[in-house]
Protein backbone atom coordinates (compact mmCIF):
# COMPACT_ATOMS: atom_id res chain seq x y z
CA MET A 1 6.04 64.04 67.45
CA ASP A 2 3.85 61.57 68.97
CA ASN A 3 4.09 57.88 69.27
CA GLN A 4 1.29 57.35 66.75
CA ASP A 5 3.43 59.28 63.88
CA MET A 6 6.41 57.17 64.88
CA THR A 7 4.58 53.63 64.53
CA ASP A 8 2.87 54.40 61.20
CA PRO A 9 5.78 53.88 58.94
CA LEU A 10 6.86 50.74 60.85
CA ALA A 11 3.40 49.45 60.46
CA ALA A 12 3.36 50.17 56.89
CA SER A 13 6.51 48.32 56.42
CA PHE A 14 5.13 45.26 58.05
CA ASP A 15 1.95 45.50 55.82
CA VAL A 16 4.16 45.38 52.71
CA VAL A 17 5.94 42.13 53.68
CA ALA A 18 2.72 40.52 54.56
CA ARG A 19 1.33 41.44 51.22
CA GLN A 20 4.41 39.90 49.40
CA ASP A 21 4.33 36.76 51.65
CA ALA A 22 0.43 36.39 50.46
CA GLN A 23 1.42 37.11 46.70
CA GLU A 24 4.30 34.45 46.99
CA ALA A 25 2.10 31.89 48.49
CA ASP A 26 -0.66 32.48 45.81
CA LEU A 27 2.07 32.03 43.09
CA ALA A 28 3.27 28.73 44.85
CA THR A 29 -0.48 27.38 44.91
CA LEU A 30 -0.76 28.47 41.04
CA ARG A 31 2.51 26.73 40.06
CA SER A 32 1.22 23.51 41.88
CA ASP A 33 -2.14 23.80 40.00
CA VAL A 34 -0.11 24.13 36.59
CA ASP A 35 1.98 21.17 37.32
CA GLU A 36 -1.26 19.03 38.36
CA VAL A 37 -2.73 20.00 35.04
CA LYS A 38 0.54 19.24 33.01
CA GLY A 39 0.69 15.86 34.64
CA ARG A 40 -2.92 15.18 33.61
CA LEU A 41 -2.42 16.24 30.03
CA GLU A 42 0.62 14.00 29.93
CA LYS A 43 -1.59 11.06 31.03
CA VAL A 44 -4.22 11.71 28.52
CA SER A 45 -1.55 12.10 25.76
CA LEU A 46 0.04 8.81 26.72
CA ALA A 47 -3.45 7.08 26.74
CA ALA A 48 -4.20 8.71 23.29
CA SER A 49 -0.99 7.45 21.89
CA ARG A 50 -1.75 3.93 22.98
CA ALA A 51 -5.49 3.89 21.74
CA PRO A 52 -6.33 1.13 19.17
CA ILE A 53 -7.27 1.73 15.61
CA SER A 54 -10.30 3.58 14.87
CA GLY A 55 -11.07 4.38 18.46
CA SER A 56 -12.22 0.93 18.88
CA ARG A 57 -12.37 0.76 22.67
CA SER A 58 -15.32 3.28 22.39
CA GLY A 59 -16.50 1.91 18.88
CA SER A 60 -19.07 -0.25 17.90
CA THR A 61 -20.49 -3.39 19.62
CA GLU A 62 -19.13 -5.63 16.99
CA MET A 63 -15.66 -4.32 17.34
CA LYS A 64 -15.75 -4.65 21.08
CA SER A 65 -16.96 -8.02 20.93
CA PHE A 66 -14.42 -9.07 18.37
CA VAL A 67 -11.42 -7.69 20.07
CA ASN A 68 -12.13 -8.51 23.68
CA GLY A 69 -14.30 -11.64 23.28
CA PHE A 70 -12.65 -13.43 20.35
CA LEU A 71 -9.18 -12.01 19.81
CA ARG A 72 -8.16 -11.79 23.48
CA HIS A 73 -10.10 -14.83 24.86
CA GLY A 74 -11.38 -16.83 22.03
CA ARG A 75 -15.07 -16.55 23.16
CA GLU A 76 -16.89 -17.37 19.92
CA SER A 77 -20.23 -17.33 21.56
CA GLU A 78 -20.14 -13.57 21.84
CA LEU A 79 -19.95 -13.50 17.82
CA LYS A 80 -22.98 -15.59 17.23
CA SER A 81 -25.57 -12.57 16.79
CA MET A 82 -23.22 -10.68 14.50
CA SER A 83 -22.95 -10.81 10.80
CA ILE A 84 -19.37 -11.59 10.39
CA GLY A 85 -19.20 -14.90 9.01
CA SER A 86 -18.73 -18.22 10.39
CA PRO A 87 -15.91 -20.96 11.25
CA ALA A 88 -17.49 -23.33 8.53
CA ASP A 89 -16.85 -20.59 5.84
CA GLY A 90 -13.13 -20.59 6.79
CA GLY A 91 -13.07 -18.00 9.84
CA TYR A 92 -14.73 -14.99 11.16
CA THR A 93 -14.76 -11.95 8.95
CA VAL A 94 -12.88 -9.16 10.70
CA PRO A 95 -14.79 -5.89 11.57
CA ARG A 96 -14.47 -3.15 8.84
CA GLU A 97 -12.18 -1.10 11.16
CA ILE A 98 -9.46 -3.86 10.89
CA ASP A 99 -10.06 -4.56 7.33
CA VAL A 100 -9.64 -0.86 6.47
CA GLU A 101 -6.38 -0.59 8.33
CA ILE A 102 -5.01 -3.79 6.70
CA GLN A 103 -5.97 -2.20 3.28
CA ARG A 104 -4.23 1.13 4.30
CA GLN A 105 -1.01 -0.52 5.21
CA LEU A 106 -0.92 -2.84 2.04
CA LEU A 107 -1.19 0.22 0.00
CA LYS A 108 2.19 1.61 1.78
CA LEU A 109 3.86 -1.72 1.58
CA SER A 110 3.00 -3.38 -1.65
CA PRO A 111 4.43 -1.26 -4.67
CA ILE A 112 2.58 -2.73 -7.52
CA ARG A 113 -0.68 -2.43 -5.69
CA THR A 114 -0.19 1.29 -5.50
CA ILE A 115 0.23 1.53 -9.28
CA ALA A 116 -2.17 -0.94 -10.61
CA HIS A 117 -5.88 -1.22 -11.12
CA VAL A 118 -7.62 -2.78 -8.16
CA VAL A 119 -11.18 -3.84 -8.09
CA GLN A 120 -13.40 -5.39 -5.23
CA VAL A 121 -15.17 -8.48 -6.06
CA GLY A 122 -17.71 -10.72 -4.46
CA THR A 123 -16.52 -14.07 -6.22
CA ALA A 124 -13.65 -15.50 -7.63
CA GLY A 125 -15.40 -16.02 -10.98
CA TYR A 126 -14.56 -12.37 -12.02
CA ARG A 127 -14.61 -11.58 -15.81
CA LYS A 128 -13.73 -8.46 -17.63
CA LEU A 129 -14.23 -7.62 -21.29
CA VAL A 130 -11.28 -5.76 -22.85
CA SER A 131 -11.96 -3.92 -26.28
CA LEU A 132 -9.33 -5.06 -28.92
CA GLY A 133 -9.80 -2.03 -31.13
CA SER A 134 -12.24 0.81 -31.96
CA VAL A 135 -15.31 0.37 -34.04
CA ALA A 136 -14.98 1.71 -37.52
CA SER A 137 -15.93 5.18 -38.21
CA GLY A 138 -15.98 7.70 -41.02
CA TRP A 139 -17.50 10.93 -42.49
CA VAL A 140 -20.52 11.27 -44.43
CA GLY A 141 -22.60 14.21 -45.97
CA GLU A 142 -25.78 15.66 -44.23
CA THR A 143 -28.03 13.45 -46.44
CA ASP A 144 -25.62 10.60 -47.16
CA ALA A 145 -26.27 6.84 -46.26
CA ARG A 146 -24.68 5.67 -42.95
CA PRO A 147 -22.93 2.30 -43.83
CA ASP A 148 -22.63 -0.21 -41.08
CA THR A 149 -19.65 -0.16 -39.14
CA ALA A 150 -17.63 -3.11 -38.22
CA THR A 151 -18.48 -5.35 -35.23
CA GLN A 152 -16.08 -4.67 -32.61
CA LYS A 153 -13.83 -7.50 -30.91
CA PHE A 154 -13.45 -8.10 -27.28
CA ALA A 155 -11.12 -10.35 -25.21
CA GLU A 156 -12.01 -11.80 -21.93
CA ILE A 157 -9.95 -11.14 -18.85
CA ALA A 158 -10.14 -13.78 -16.13
CA PRO A 159 -7.59 -13.28 -13.41
CA THR A 160 -6.23 -16.23 -11.75
CA PHE A 161 -7.22 -16.32 -7.85
CA GLY A 162 -5.21 -17.72 -5.15
CA GLU A 163 -5.93 -17.77 -1.34
CA LEU A 164 -3.32 -15.64 0.40
CA TYR A 165 -2.77 -16.29 4.05
CA ALA A 166 -0.64 -14.88 6.99
CA ASN A 167 -0.24 -16.65 10.45
CA PRO A 168 0.86 -14.08 13.00
CA ALA A 169 1.43 -15.22 16.68
CA ALA A 170 1.11 -13.63 20.06
CA SER A 171 1.41 -15.01 23.44
CA GLN A 172 -1.52 -15.03 25.77
CA ALA A 173 0.17 -12.92 28.30
CA MET A 174 0.35 -10.24 25.61
CA LEU A 175 -3.32 -10.64 24.73
CA ASP A 176 -4.17 -10.52 28.45
CA ASP A 177 -2.55 -7.04 28.72
CA SER A 178 -5.29 -4.56 28.21
CA MET A 179 -2.92 -1.92 27.14
CA PHE A 180 -1.50 -4.27 24.34
CA ASP A 181 -2.98 -2.69 21.11
CA VAL A 182 -4.21 -6.04 19.60
CA GLU A 183 -6.06 -4.52 16.78
CA THR A 184 -3.11 -2.44 15.38
CA TRP A 185 -0.66 -5.23 15.84
CA LEU A 186 -2.80 -7.68 14.15
CA ALA A 187 -3.45 -5.47 11.17
CA THR A 188 0.11 -4.67 10.95
CA GLU A 189 1.38 -8.07 10.88
CA ILE A 190 -1.10 -9.38 8.43
CA ALA A 191 -0.52 -6.44 6.00
CA ARG A 192 3.18 -6.97 6.19
CA GLU A 193 2.96 -10.80 5.20
CA PHE A 194 0.24 -9.95 2.54
CA ALA A 195 2.48 -7.32 1.16
CA ARG A 196 5.45 -9.60 0.80
CA ALA A 197 3.69 -12.61 -0.63
CA GLU A 198 1.45 -10.58 -2.98
CA GLY A 199 4.42 -8.15 -4.20
CA ALA A 200 6.15 -11.28 -5.40
CA ALA A 201 2.95 -12.82 -7.19
CA PHE A 202 2.18 -9.50 -8.95
CA VAL A 203 5.57 -9.51 -10.55
CA ASN A 204 6.70 -13.16 -11.09
CA GLY A 205 3.34 -15.20 -10.19
CA THR A 206 2.80 -18.31 -12.43
CA GLY A 207 -0.86 -18.03 -12.49
CA ALA A 208 -1.19 -21.52 -10.69
CA ASN A 209 -3.26 -20.93 -7.45
CA VAL A 210 -1.64 -17.39 -7.25
CA PRO A 211 -1.90 -14.27 -9.47
CA GLN A 212 -0.13 -14.21 -12.77
CA GLY A 213 2.50 -11.59 -12.70
CA PHE A 214 3.20 -9.25 -15.48
CA LEU A 215 6.64 -10.77 -16.06
CA ALA A 216 5.09 -14.37 -16.44
CA ALA A 217 2.92 -12.97 -19.62
CA PRO A 218 4.12 -13.99 -23.08
CA THR A 219 6.68 -11.64 -24.48
CA SER A 220 7.49 -10.64 -28.08
CA THR A 221 9.48 -8.12 -30.01
CA ALA A 222 6.44 -7.28 -32.25
CA ILE A 223 5.00 -3.76 -31.94
CA ASP A 224 1.43 -2.80 -30.93
CA GLY A 225 -1.15 -3.93 -33.05
CA THR A 226 0.74 -7.08 -34.61
CA ARG A 227 1.50 -9.40 -31.79
CA ALA A 228 -1.06 -11.60 -30.10
CA PHE A 229 -3.25 -10.20 -27.27
CA GLY A 230 -1.83 -10.43 -23.85
CA SER A 231 1.98 -10.51 -24.87
CA LEU A 232 4.16 -7.84 -23.69
CA GLN A 233 6.49 -5.98 -26.07
CA TYR A 234 10.35 -5.80 -25.04
CA LEU A 235 13.39 -4.22 -26.30
CA ALA A 236 16.48 -5.81 -26.11
CA THR A 237 19.55 -3.95 -24.88
CA GLY A 238 22.06 -5.45 -27.54
CA ASN A 239 24.32 -6.71 -24.69
CA ALA A 240 23.90 -10.34 -23.46
CA THR A 241 24.92 -9.53 -20.07
CA GLY A 242 23.90 -6.03 -19.33
CA LEU A 243 23.04 -2.66 -20.54
CA ASP A 244 24.55 -1.30 -23.91
CA PRO A 245 27.76 0.15 -22.72
CA THR A 246 28.07 2.59 -25.46
CA ALA A 247 24.69 4.46 -25.29
CA PRO A 248 22.75 2.90 -22.17
CA ASP A 249 20.23 5.83 -22.20
CA ALA A 250 19.14 5.13 -25.74
CA LYS A 251 17.44 1.99 -25.10
CA LEU A 252 15.68 3.74 -22.20
CA ILE A 253 14.35 6.58 -24.32
CA ASP A 254 13.33 3.99 -27.12
CA LEU A 255 11.30 2.16 -24.38
CA VAL A 256 9.49 5.34 -23.26
CA HIS A 257 8.41 6.22 -26.86
CA ALA A 258 7.43 2.57 -27.67
CA VAL A 259 4.36 3.12 -25.25
CA LYS A 260 1.44 4.95 -26.79
CA PRO A 261 0.99 8.54 -25.91
CA GLY A 262 -2.38 8.03 -24.14
CA HIS A 263 -0.56 5.35 -21.77
CA ARG A 264 2.47 7.49 -21.25
CA GLN A 265 0.26 9.84 -19.00
CA GLY A 266 0.68 8.10 -15.65
CA ALA A 267 3.43 5.84 -16.74
CA VAL A 268 6.03 4.69 -14.34
CA TRP A 269 9.24 2.78 -14.17
CA VAL A 270 9.47 -0.39 -12.28
CA MET A 271 12.79 -2.10 -11.22
CA ASN A 272 14.64 -3.22 -7.97
CA SER A 273 17.13 -1.19 -6.10
CA THR A 274 20.03 -2.86 -7.51
CA THR A 275 19.10 -2.01 -11.18
CA LEU A 276 18.34 1.43 -9.92
CA ALA A 277 21.77 1.84 -8.60
CA SER A 278 23.12 1.01 -12.05
CA ILE A 279 20.74 3.39 -13.69
CA ARG A 280 21.65 6.26 -11.48
CA LYS A 281 25.00 6.32 -12.80
CA ILE A 282 24.18 6.74 -16.42
CA LYS A 283 24.82 10.13 -17.99
CA THR A 284 23.96 11.57 -21.26
CA ALA A 285 26.52 12.45 -23.98
CA MET A 286 26.49 16.02 -22.29
CA GLY A 287 27.48 14.70 -19.05
CA GLU A 288 24.18 15.05 -17.24
CA PHE A 289 22.38 12.28 -15.16
CA LEU A 290 19.43 10.80 -16.47
CA TRP A 291 18.29 10.57 -12.88
CA GLN A 292 16.35 13.41 -11.39
CA ALA A 293 16.06 13.75 -7.52
CA SER A 294 12.79 14.71 -6.33
CA LEU A 295 12.79 18.53 -4.71
CA VAL A 296 9.65 17.92 -2.96
CA ASP A 297 9.50 15.53 0.06
CA GLY A 298 6.96 12.49 -0.47
CA LEU A 299 7.18 12.70 -4.23
CA PRO A 300 9.30 9.87 -6.18
CA ASP A 301 12.44 10.57 -7.91
CA LYS A 302 12.39 10.46 -11.75
CA LEU A 303 13.96 8.93 -14.89
CA LEU A 304 13.36 10.68 -17.98
CA GLY A 305 10.63 12.64 -16.42
CA TYR A 306 8.62 9.51 -15.09
CA PRO A 307 8.42 8.22 -11.52
CA VAL A 308 10.53 5.29 -10.31
CA ILE A 309 8.69 2.38 -8.35
CA GLU A 310 11.29 0.15 -6.55
CA SER A 311 9.98 -3.43 -6.41
CA ALA A 312 12.40 -5.96 -4.65
CA ASP A 313 10.74 -8.92 -6.68
CA MET A 314 12.02 -7.58 -10.01
CA PRO A 315 15.15 -9.31 -11.47
CA ASP A 316 18.66 -8.14 -11.19
CA ILE A 317 20.53 -7.18 -14.60
CA GLY A 318 21.52 -10.58 -16.03
CA ALA A 319 21.42 -12.48 -19.11
CA GLY A 320 18.09 -13.14 -20.43
CA ALA A 321 16.38 -11.24 -17.36
CA PHE A 322 13.65 -8.41 -17.49
CA PRO A 323 15.08 -5.99 -15.10
CA ILE A 324 13.14 -3.06 -16.23
CA ALA A 325 9.58 -2.43 -16.94
CA PHE A 326 7.74 0.91 -17.84
CA GLY A 327 4.13 1.77 -18.61
CA ASN A 328 0.79 2.75 -17.29
CA PHE A 329 0.09 -0.02 -14.67
CA GLN A 330 -3.23 1.42 -13.85
CA ASN A 331 -4.19 0.40 -17.49
CA GLY A 332 -2.03 -2.47 -17.80
CA TYR A 333 -2.29 -4.80 -14.77
CA LEU A 334 -5.44 -5.85 -12.90
CA ILE A 335 -5.82 -6.75 -9.20
CA ALA A 336 -9.08 -8.36 -8.12
CA GLU A 337 -9.63 -9.19 -4.55
CA ARG A 338 -12.30 -10.08 -1.93
CA SER A 339 -11.53 -7.31 0.44
CA ALA A 340 -12.91 -9.11 3.34
CA THR A 341 -9.97 -10.76 5.62
CA SER A 342 -11.10 -13.94 7.65
CA ILE A 343 -9.37 -15.02 10.58
CA LEU A 344 -9.24 -18.35 12.55
CA ARG A 345 -7.75 -18.39 16.16
CA ASP A 346 -5.58 -21.28 17.07
CA PRO A 347 -4.36 -21.49 20.73
CA TYR A 348 -3.35 -25.09 20.60
CA THR A 349 -0.50 -25.64 17.79
CA ASN A 350 2.07 -23.52 19.31
CA LYS A 351 1.48 -23.08 23.13
CA PRO A 352 2.06 -20.57 24.87
CA PHE A 353 1.36 -18.58 21.56
CA VAL A 354 -1.92 -18.03 19.99
CA ARG A 355 -1.92 -18.03 16.13
CA PHE A 356 -4.23 -15.74 14.11
CA TYR A 357 -4.78 -17.67 10.49
CA ALA A 358 -5.71 -14.83 8.27
CA THR A 359 -6.81 -15.26 4.67
CA ARG A 360 -7.79 -13.36 1.65
CA ARG A 361 -8.49 -14.29 -2.07
CA ILE A 362 -6.72 -12.30 -4.36
CA GLY A 363 -6.06 -12.58 -8.34
CA GLY A 364 -4.11 -10.62 -10.82
CA GLN A 365 -3.26 -10.55 -14.61
CA VAL A 366 -2.28 -8.30 -17.42
CA LEU A 367 -5.10 -6.26 -18.29
CA ASP A 368 -3.86 -4.11 -21.46
CA SER A 369 -0.81 -5.62 -23.01
CA GLU A 370 -0.02 -2.28 -24.88
CA ALA A 371 0.35 -0.42 -21.67
CA ILE A 372 3.28 -2.09 -20.21
CA LYS A 373 6.79 -2.58 -22.08
CA LEU A 374 9.84 -4.30 -20.92
CA ILE A 375 13.73 -4.28 -21.21
CA LYS A 376 15.49 -7.61 -21.88
CA ILE A 377 19.01 -8.22 -21.42
CA SER A 378 19.84 -9.93 -24.84
CA THR A 379 21.34 -9.29 -27.93
């Protein structure tokens, strides 16, 4: 055996080791590249999660000027060429992106707004005609005379408007931080304050510079067609301080069927959480709960087959109170609003904080008094 034959296996073994070393080096390089890509993706994801609403940083010129010029630094000169109002009219009208975000959050936070009939108006002098009955009709033969029908009667709805305002504040240091999402913060703060104030007005508003709440409307025990237009019918519990202890479910069933079938489609219950806790304990004579928990996430629980809306502004159960409402609020309660929100920037009143005084005009009133019924704690 010559020397060449003896060295071939040894050389081959060294070649295998070299190839393994090369493969491990390639794998290490690949891992490094993967880690670098992951790091970049995490940075992109973080930046995306902190991006402002509606992609405003890459959005319209109006939005960029409003946020960077006016909101952050108070430079009104950048807004002169833009059709978004003027200080003489009570403030600059916010760009549509912010207004849409305010409206979206109001729908989540304001319970009555989610079920009522909402219209957008351009003036506080909004009027709406409501029919008080159908036109007379009848049957005739093919060649019979057609007698004149009775003239239909109408009532005019003129909701009372009030100016709703919110006054959130942020420090100048927060506004100077380019990563501070001022658009979303401002929309959220305004919507939260608007929802709190309008929620109380839509239920208990007096109608004096605020919307008239449905509980502020006149009430009567008279049935539909006999009581005055605009008055809500109520059923008494038969107990001076609470629900009927012998058959508490009976009045709830009566209330449902006091509403006309056409209004019962889409009807809901409205009460606060304290009243709801009492209602959830009620059982039928067969020992079954009236309350029906929702089996689908996102859908409301039901009472006697109808959804329940919680409103913190509804009164508790007590003598003379109206703690429970039932009906079709889409047909029964009107909310009219000028959707444009105006903002004034005030950096002087509470230094070093900058206040943003936001206003919007909103009105409300009972639309069809036959569509909403009440329970009254009374004998």
